[in-house]
C-alpha atoms as a PDB file:
ATOM      1  CA  MET A   1     -31.622  22.974  22.425  1.00  0.00           C
ATOM      2  CA  GLN A   2     -29.812  25.830  24.422  1.00  0.00           C
ATOM      3  CA  TYR A   3     -29.727  23.963  27.722  1.00  0.00           C
ATOM      4  CA  HIS A   4     -27.925  21.397  25.997  1.00  0.00           C
ATOM      5  CA  TYR A   5     -25.202  23.523  24.444  1.00  0.00           C
ATOM      6  CA  LEU A   6     -24.842  25.738  27.305  1.00  0.00           C
ATOM      7  CA  TYR A   7     -24.290  22.017  29.328  1.00  0.00           C
ATOM      8  CA  TRP A   8     -21.999  21.234  26.665  1.00  0.00           C
ATOM      9  CA  GLN A   9     -19.764  24.432  26.836  1.00  0.00           C
ATOM     10  CA  ALA A  10     -19.709  24.099  30.977  1.00  0.00           C
ATOM     11  CA  ARG A  11     -18.767  20.478  30.810  1.00  0.00           C
ATOM     12  CA  ALA A  12     -16.123  21.178  28.181  1.00  0.00           C
ATOM     13  CA  SER A  13     -14.686  23.863  30.238  1.00  0.00           C
ATOM     14  CA  GLN A  14     -14.697  22.001  33.477  1.00  0.00           C
ATOM     15  CA  LEU A  15     -12.529  19.084  31.625  1.00  0.00           C
ATOM     16  CA  GLY A  16     -10.375  21.777  29.979  1.00  0.00           C
ATOM     17  CA  PHE A  17     -11.138  21.477  26.626  1.00  0.00           C
ATOM     18  CA  ASP A  18     -10.962  24.564  24.365  1.00  0.00           C
ATOM     19  CA  ALA A  19     -12.879  23.886  21.249  1.00  0.00           C
ATOM     20  CA  LYS A  20     -12.489  27.285  19.217  1.00  0.00           C
ATOM     21  CA  ALA A  21      -8.577  26.600  19.918  1.00  0.00           C
ATOM     22  CA  PHE A  22      -8.777  22.940  18.762  1.00  0.00           C
ATOM     23  CA  ILE A  23     -10.603  24.009  15.287  1.00  0.00           C
ATOM     24  CA  GLU A  24      -7.806  26.922  15.052  1.00  0.00           C
ATOM     25  CA  ARG A  25      -5.015  24.177  15.741  1.00  0.00           C
ATOM     26  CA  ARG A  26      -6.746  21.533  13.382  1.00  0.00           C
ATOM     27  CA  ASP A  27      -6.877  23.609  10.642  1.00  0.00           C
ATOM     28  CA  LYS A  28      -3.065  25.048  11.128  1.00  0.00           C
ATOM     29  CA  GLN A  29      -2.039  21.217  10.725  1.00  0.00           C
ATOM     30  CA  PRO A  30      -0.870  20.167   7.183  1.00  0.00           C
ATOM     31  CA  ALA A  31      -2.703  17.291   5.976  1.00  0.00           C
ATOM     32  CA  HIS A  32       0.084  14.146   5.458  1.00  0.00           C
ATOM     33  CA  SER A  33      -0.934  11.176   3.472  1.00  0.00           C
ATOM     34  CA  PHE A  34       0.978   8.226   2.068  1.00  0.00           C
ATOM     35  CA  LEU A  35       1.093   9.939  -1.481  1.00  0.00           C
ATOM     36  CA  SER A  36       2.009  13.069   0.031  1.00  0.00           C
ATOM     37  CA  ASP A  37       4.984  11.598   1.762  1.00  0.00           C
ATOM     38  CA  ILE A  38       6.365   9.576  -1.317  1.00  0.00           C
ATOM     39  CA  LYS A  39       5.923  12.579  -3.044  1.00  0.00           C
ATOM     40  CA  GLU A  40       8.364  14.783  -0.414  1.00  0.00           C
ATOM     41  CA  LYS A  41      10.596  12.112  -0.316  1.00  0.00           C
ATOM     42  CA  LEU A  42      10.873  12.103  -3.911  1.00  0.00           C
ATOM     43  CA  LEU A  43      11.018  16.019  -4.359  1.00  0.00           C
ATOM     44  CA  VAL A  44      13.653  15.699  -1.580  1.00  0.00           C
ATOM     45  CA  LEU A  45      15.735  13.237  -3.898  1.00  0.00           C
ATOM     46  CA  VAL A  46      15.251  15.572  -6.681  1.00  0.00           C
ATOM     47  CA  SER A  47      16.438  18.667  -5.101  1.00  0.00           C
ATOM     48  CA  LYS A  48      19.591  16.815  -3.436  1.00  0.00           C
ATOM     49  CA  LEU A  49      20.461  15.733  -7.427  1.00  0.00           C
ATOM     50  CA  LYS A  50      19.947  19.206  -8.232  1.00  0.00           C
ATOM     51  CA  ARG A  51      22.141  20.581  -5.955  1.00  0.00           C
ATOM     52  CA  GLU A  52      24.847  18.103  -6.764  1.00  0.00           C
ATOM     53  CA  ALA A  53      26.420  17.106 -10.442  1.00  0.00           C
ATOM     54  CA  LYS A  54      23.574  16.770 -12.786  1.00  0.00           C
ATOM     55  CA  PRO A  55      22.498  12.952 -12.421  1.00  0.00           C
ATOM     56  CA  SER A  56      22.445  10.995 -15.710  1.00  0.00           C
ATOM     57  CA  ALA A  57      19.383   9.909 -16.718  1.00  0.00           C
ATOM     58  CA  LEU A  58      20.179   6.008 -15.581  1.00  0.00           C
ATOM     59  CA  GLU A  59      20.466   7.734 -12.267  1.00  0.00           C
ATOM     60  CA  ALA A  60      17.251   9.785 -12.401  1.00  0.00           C
ATOM     61  CA  ALA A  61      15.471   6.523 -13.526  1.00  0.00           C
ATOM     62  CA  LEU A  62      16.673   4.917 -10.799  1.00  0.00           C
ATOM     63  CA  SER A  63      15.300   6.904  -8.375  1.00  0.00           C
ATOM     64  CA  CYS A  64      12.006   6.774  -9.827  1.00  0.00           C
ATOM     65  CA  VAL A  65      12.213   2.976 -10.022  1.00  0.00           C
ATOM     66  CA  GLN A  66      12.888   3.053  -6.145  1.00  0.00           C
ATOM     67  CA  VAL A  67      10.471   5.181  -5.451  1.00  0.00           C
ATOM     68  CA  ALA A  68       7.861   2.916  -7.378  1.00  0.00           C
ATOM     69  CA  THR A  69       9.113   0.040  -5.971  1.00  0.00           C
ATOM     70  CA  GLU A  70       8.508   1.456  -2.497  1.00  0.00           C
ATOM     71  CA  THR A  71       5.083   2.262  -3.296  1.00  0.00           C
ATOM     72  CA  LEU A  72       4.145  -1.011  -5.069  1.00  0.00           C
ATOM     73  CA  SER A  73       5.180  -2.971  -2.300  1.00  0.00           C
ATOM     74  CA  GLN A  74       3.127  -1.160   0.223  1.00  0.00           C
ATOM     75  CA  ARG A  75       0.160  -2.824  -1.932  1.00  0.00           C
ATOM     76  CA  THR A  76       1.555  -6.232  -2.983  1.00  0.00           C
ATOM     77  CA  ALA A  77       4.278  -8.653  -2.559  1.00  0.00           C
ATOM     78  CA  ILE A  78       4.578  -9.162  -6.316  1.00  0.00           C
ATOM     79  CA  PHE A  79       4.115  -7.250  -8.969  1.00  0.00           C
ATOM     80  CA  SER A  80       4.693  -7.243 -12.541  1.00  0.00           C
ATOM     81  CA  GLU A  81       7.462  -5.610 -14.592  1.00  0.00           C
ATOM     82  CA  ARG A  82       4.774  -3.570 -16.453  1.00  0.00           C
ATOM     83  CA  GLU A  83       3.019  -2.446 -13.214  1.00  0.00           C
ATOM     84  CA  LEU A  84       6.309  -1.270 -12.006  1.00  0.00           C
ATOM     85  CA  LEU A  85       7.337   0.682 -15.296  1.00  0.00           C
ATOM     86  CA  THR A  86       4.044   2.543 -14.971  1.00  0.00           C
ATOM     87  CA  GLU A  87       4.674   3.588 -11.209  1.00  0.00           C
ATOM     88  CA  ALA A  88       7.922   4.483 -12.193  1.00  0.00           C
ATOM     89  CA  MET A  89       6.796   6.578 -15.580  1.00  0.00           C
ATOM     90  CA  LYS A  90       4.343   8.358 -12.920  1.00  0.00           C
ATOM     91  CA  HIS A  91       7.006   9.249 -10.562  1.00  0.00           C
ATOM     92  CA  SER A  92       8.991  10.514 -13.213  1.00  0.00           C
ATOM     93  CA  LEU A  93       6.488  13.325 -13.793  1.00  0.00           C
ATOM     94  CA  ILE A  94       7.925  15.090 -10.735  1.00  0.00           C
ATOM     95  CA  TYR A  95      11.381  14.874 -11.905  1.00  0.00           C
ATOM     96  CA  PRO A  96      12.703  18.259 -13.572  1.00  0.00           C
ATOM     97  CA  GLU A  97      14.012  16.536 -16.401  1.00  0.00           C
ATOM     98  CA  ARG A  98      12.621  14.411 -18.920  1.00  0.00           C
ATOM     99  CA  VAL A  99      13.278  10.683 -18.083  1.00  0.00           C
ATOM    100  CA  SER A 100      12.829   8.020 -20.822  1.00  0.00           C
ATOM    101  CA  GLN A 101      10.367   5.113 -20.851  1.00  0.00           C
ATOM    102  CA  GLN A 102      14.058   3.453 -22.031  1.00  0.00           C
ATOM    103  CA  ALA A 103      16.199   4.653 -18.930  1.00  0.00           C
ATOM    104  CA  ILE A 104      13.732   3.418 -16.626  1.00  0.00           C
ATOM    105  CA  ILE A 105      13.802   0.073 -18.339  1.00  0.00           C
ATOM    106  CA  GLN A 106      17.397  -0.195 -18.024  1.00  0.00           C
ATOM    107  CA  ALA A 107      17.244   0.960 -14.543  1.00  0.00           C
ATOM    108  CA  ILE A 108      14.857  -1.780 -13.877  1.00  0.00           C
ATOM    109  CA  ASP A 109      17.271  -4.571 -15.573  1.00  0.00           C
ATOM    110  CA  HIS A 110      20.061  -2.765 -13.360  1.00  0.00           C
ATOM    111  CA  GLU A 111      18.003  -3.619 -10.195  1.00  0.00           C
ATOM    112  CA  ILE A 112      17.253  -7.191 -11.561  1.00  0.00           C
ATOM    113  CA  LYS A 113      21.285  -7.215 -11.907  1.00  0.00           C
ATOM    114  CA  CYS A 114      22.180  -5.977  -8.585  1.00  0.00           C
ATOM    115  CA  GLN A 115      19.418  -8.572  -6.856  1.00  0.00           C
ATOM    116  CA  SER A 116      17.313  -5.786  -5.652  1.00  0.00           C
ATOM    117  CA  PHE A 117      14.545  -7.387  -7.270  1.00  0.00           C
ATOM    118  CA  TYR A 118      14.054 -11.481  -7.611  1.00  0.00           C
ATOM    119  CA  GLU A 119      12.468 -12.383 -10.939  1.00  0.00           C
ATOM    120  CA  ALA A 120      10.326 -14.955 -11.440  1.00  0.00           C
ATOM    121  CA  ARG A 121       8.029 -15.986 -14.972  1.00  0.00           C
ATOM    122  CA  CYS A 122       4.074 -16.821 -14.580  1.00  0.00           C
ATOM    123  CA  ASN A 123       3.507 -19.876 -16.705  1.00  0.00           C
ATOM    124  CA  ASP A 124       0.016 -18.799 -17.701  1.00  0.00           C
ATOM    125  CA  ARG A 125       0.613 -15.328 -19.124  1.00  0.00           C
ATOM    126  CA  GLY A 126       4.674 -15.452 -19.706  1.00  0.00           C
ATOM    127  CA  GLU A 127       4.842 -12.165 -17.786  1.00  0.00           C
ATOM    128  CA  ARG A 128       7.980 -11.427 -15.870  1.00  0.00           C
ATOM    129  CA  LEU A 129       7.016 -10.830 -12.260  1.00  0.00           C
ATOM    130  CA  LEU A 130       9.149  -9.202  -9.458  1.00  0.00           C
ATOM    131  CA  THR A 131       9.377  -9.050  -5.833  1.00  0.00           C
ATOM    132  CA  THR A 132      11.952  -7.826  -3.359  1.00  0.00           C
ATOM    133  CA  PRO A 133      14.225  -9.662  -0.932  1.00  0.00           C
ATOM    134  CA  TRP A 134      12.429  -7.615   1.802  1.00  0.00           C
ATOM    135  CA  LEU A 135       9.062  -8.809   0.669  1.00  0.00           C
ATOM    136  CA  LEU A 136       9.946 -12.391   0.776  1.00  0.00           C
ATOM    137  CA  THR A 137      11.308 -12.051   4.197  1.00  0.00           C
ATOM    138  CA  LEU A 138       8.279 -10.616   5.289  1.00  0.00           C
ATOM    139  CA  GLU A 139       5.901 -12.989   3.500  1.00  0.00           C
ATOM    140  CA  ALA A 140       8.047 -16.093   4.992  1.00  0.00           C
ATOM    141  CA  GLU A 141       7.779 -14.415   8.514  1.00  0.00           C
ATOM    142  CA  THR A 142       4.048 -14.110   8.181  1.00  0.00           C
ATOM    143  CA  ILE A 143       3.319 -17.644   6.459  1.00  0.00           C
ATOM    144  CA  GLU A 144       5.622 -18.703   9.788  1.00  0.00           C
ATOM    145  CA  ARG A 145       3.646 -16.792  12.079  1.00  0.00           C
ATOM    146  CA  ILE A 146       0.513 -18.253  10.811  1.00  0.00           C
ATOM    147  CA  GLU A 147       1.428 -21.889  11.075  1.00  0.00           C
ATOM    148  CA  ARG A 148       2.875 -21.469  14.640  1.00  0.00           C
ATOM    149  CA  ASN A 149      -0.112 -19.835  15.718  1.00  0.00           C
ATOM    150  CA  LYS A 150      -2.875 -22.363  14.225  1.00  0.00           C
ATOM    151  CA  GLY A 151      -5.402 -23.378  16.304  1.00  0.00           C
ATOM    152  CA  ALA A 152      -4.421 -20.822  19.019  1.00  0.00           C
ATOM    153  CA  VAL A 153      -8.172 -19.366  18.977  1.00  0.00           C
ATOM    154  CA  PRO A 154     -11.046 -21.528  18.489  1.00  0.00           C
ATOM    155  CA  ALA A 155     -13.149 -21.498  15.442  1.00  0.00           C
ATOM    156  CA  LEU A 156     -16.049 -19.049  15.461  1.00  0.00           C
ATOM    157  CA  ALA A 157     -18.526 -21.368  13.968  1.00  0.00           C
ATOM    158  CA  SER A 158     -18.430 -25.022  13.107  1.00  0.00           C
ATOM    159  CA  LEU A 159     -18.827 -27.037   9.911  1.00  0.00           C
ATOM    160  CA  GLN A 160     -22.294 -28.211  11.069  1.00  0.00           C
ATOM    161  CA  THR A 161     -23.342 -24.202  12.146  1.00  0.00           C
ATOM    162  CA  VAL A 162     -22.319 -23.191   8.665  1.00  0.00           C
ATOM    163  CA  ASN A 163     -24.254 -25.682   6.769  1.00  0.00           C
ATOM    164  CA  ALA A 164     -27.377 -25.231   9.200  1.00  0.00           C
ATOM    165  CA  PHE A 165     -26.988 -21.550   8.440  1.00  0.00           C
ATOM    166  CA  GLN A 166     -26.883 -22.241   4.351  1.00  0.00           C
ATOM    167  CA  LYS A 167     -29.990 -24.343   4.681  1.00  0.00           C
ATOM    168  CA  GLU A 168     -32.059 -22.111   6.725  1.00  0.00           C
ATOM    169  CA  HIS A 169     -31.062 -18.618   4.610  1.00  0.00           C
ATOM    170  CA  ALA A 170     -31.167 -20.396   1.107  1.00  0.00           C
ATOM    171  CA  PRO A 171     -34.554 -19.868   0.206  1.00  0.00           C
ATOM    172  CA  CYS A 172     -34.740 -16.000   1.491  1.00  0.00           C
ATOM    173  CA  LEU A 173     -31.915 -15.162  -0.583  1.00  0.00           C
ATOM    174  CA  PRO A 174     -32.522 -12.735  -3.536  1.00  0.00           C
ATOM    175  CA  TYR A 175     -30.278 -15.071  -5.564  1.00  0.00           C
ATOM    176  CA  PRO A 176     -28.824 -18.645  -5.316  1.00  0.00           C
ATOM    177  CA  MET A 177     -25.770 -19.059  -3.545  1.00  0.00           C
ATOM    178  CA  THR A 178     -22.619 -19.849  -5.903  1.00  0.00           C
ATOM    179  CA  ARG A 179     -20.833 -23.101  -6.164  1.00  0.00           C
ATOM    180  CA  SER A 180     -17.876 -21.258  -4.161  1.00  0.00           C
ATOM    181  CA  GLN A 181     -20.513 -19.962  -1.410  1.00  0.00           C
ATOM    182  CA  LYS A 182     -21.398 -23.776  -0.521  1.00  0.00           C
ATOM    183  CA  LYS A 183     -17.957 -24.959  -0.764  1.00  0.00           C
ATOM    184  CA  ARG A 184     -17.298 -26.341   3.007  1.00  0.00           C
END
């Protein structure tokens, strides 16, 4: 064991690697995550608003809605008004003043009127769904890219290969395959 350690040290110094300095630098670097970046943006916005004239409740709510939109846009292309409201309420907790739910609802309606959001209704649930022009553009570009590159890469398995695999492994499975798993 001692031999491997000494060999590793010699090899590391040969390559110019200082493990002790590496660990010290690693411990000094602040951890940045997606959420910490969003929190930092919101804090910068809040401190900017603090220095300037005191913002109205609607301006504070608009800030919360914009950050919530950015957060939701990272996860999905379409979201419900309720999801946006919930996310905006979470971001309002960082704000030094109280931001009411009513102000956030007004901010969402304001963003819809300004066409920062596009609105649709879900036929099944009757709920209002929202998306942004940027997300629609991104989705359209993705679909166009998929259509343009269809057939560029050959299939990994043929239908016959999949059927043979399913027949061969079906008896060995602890549970039978569902209809959707068998679907070809």
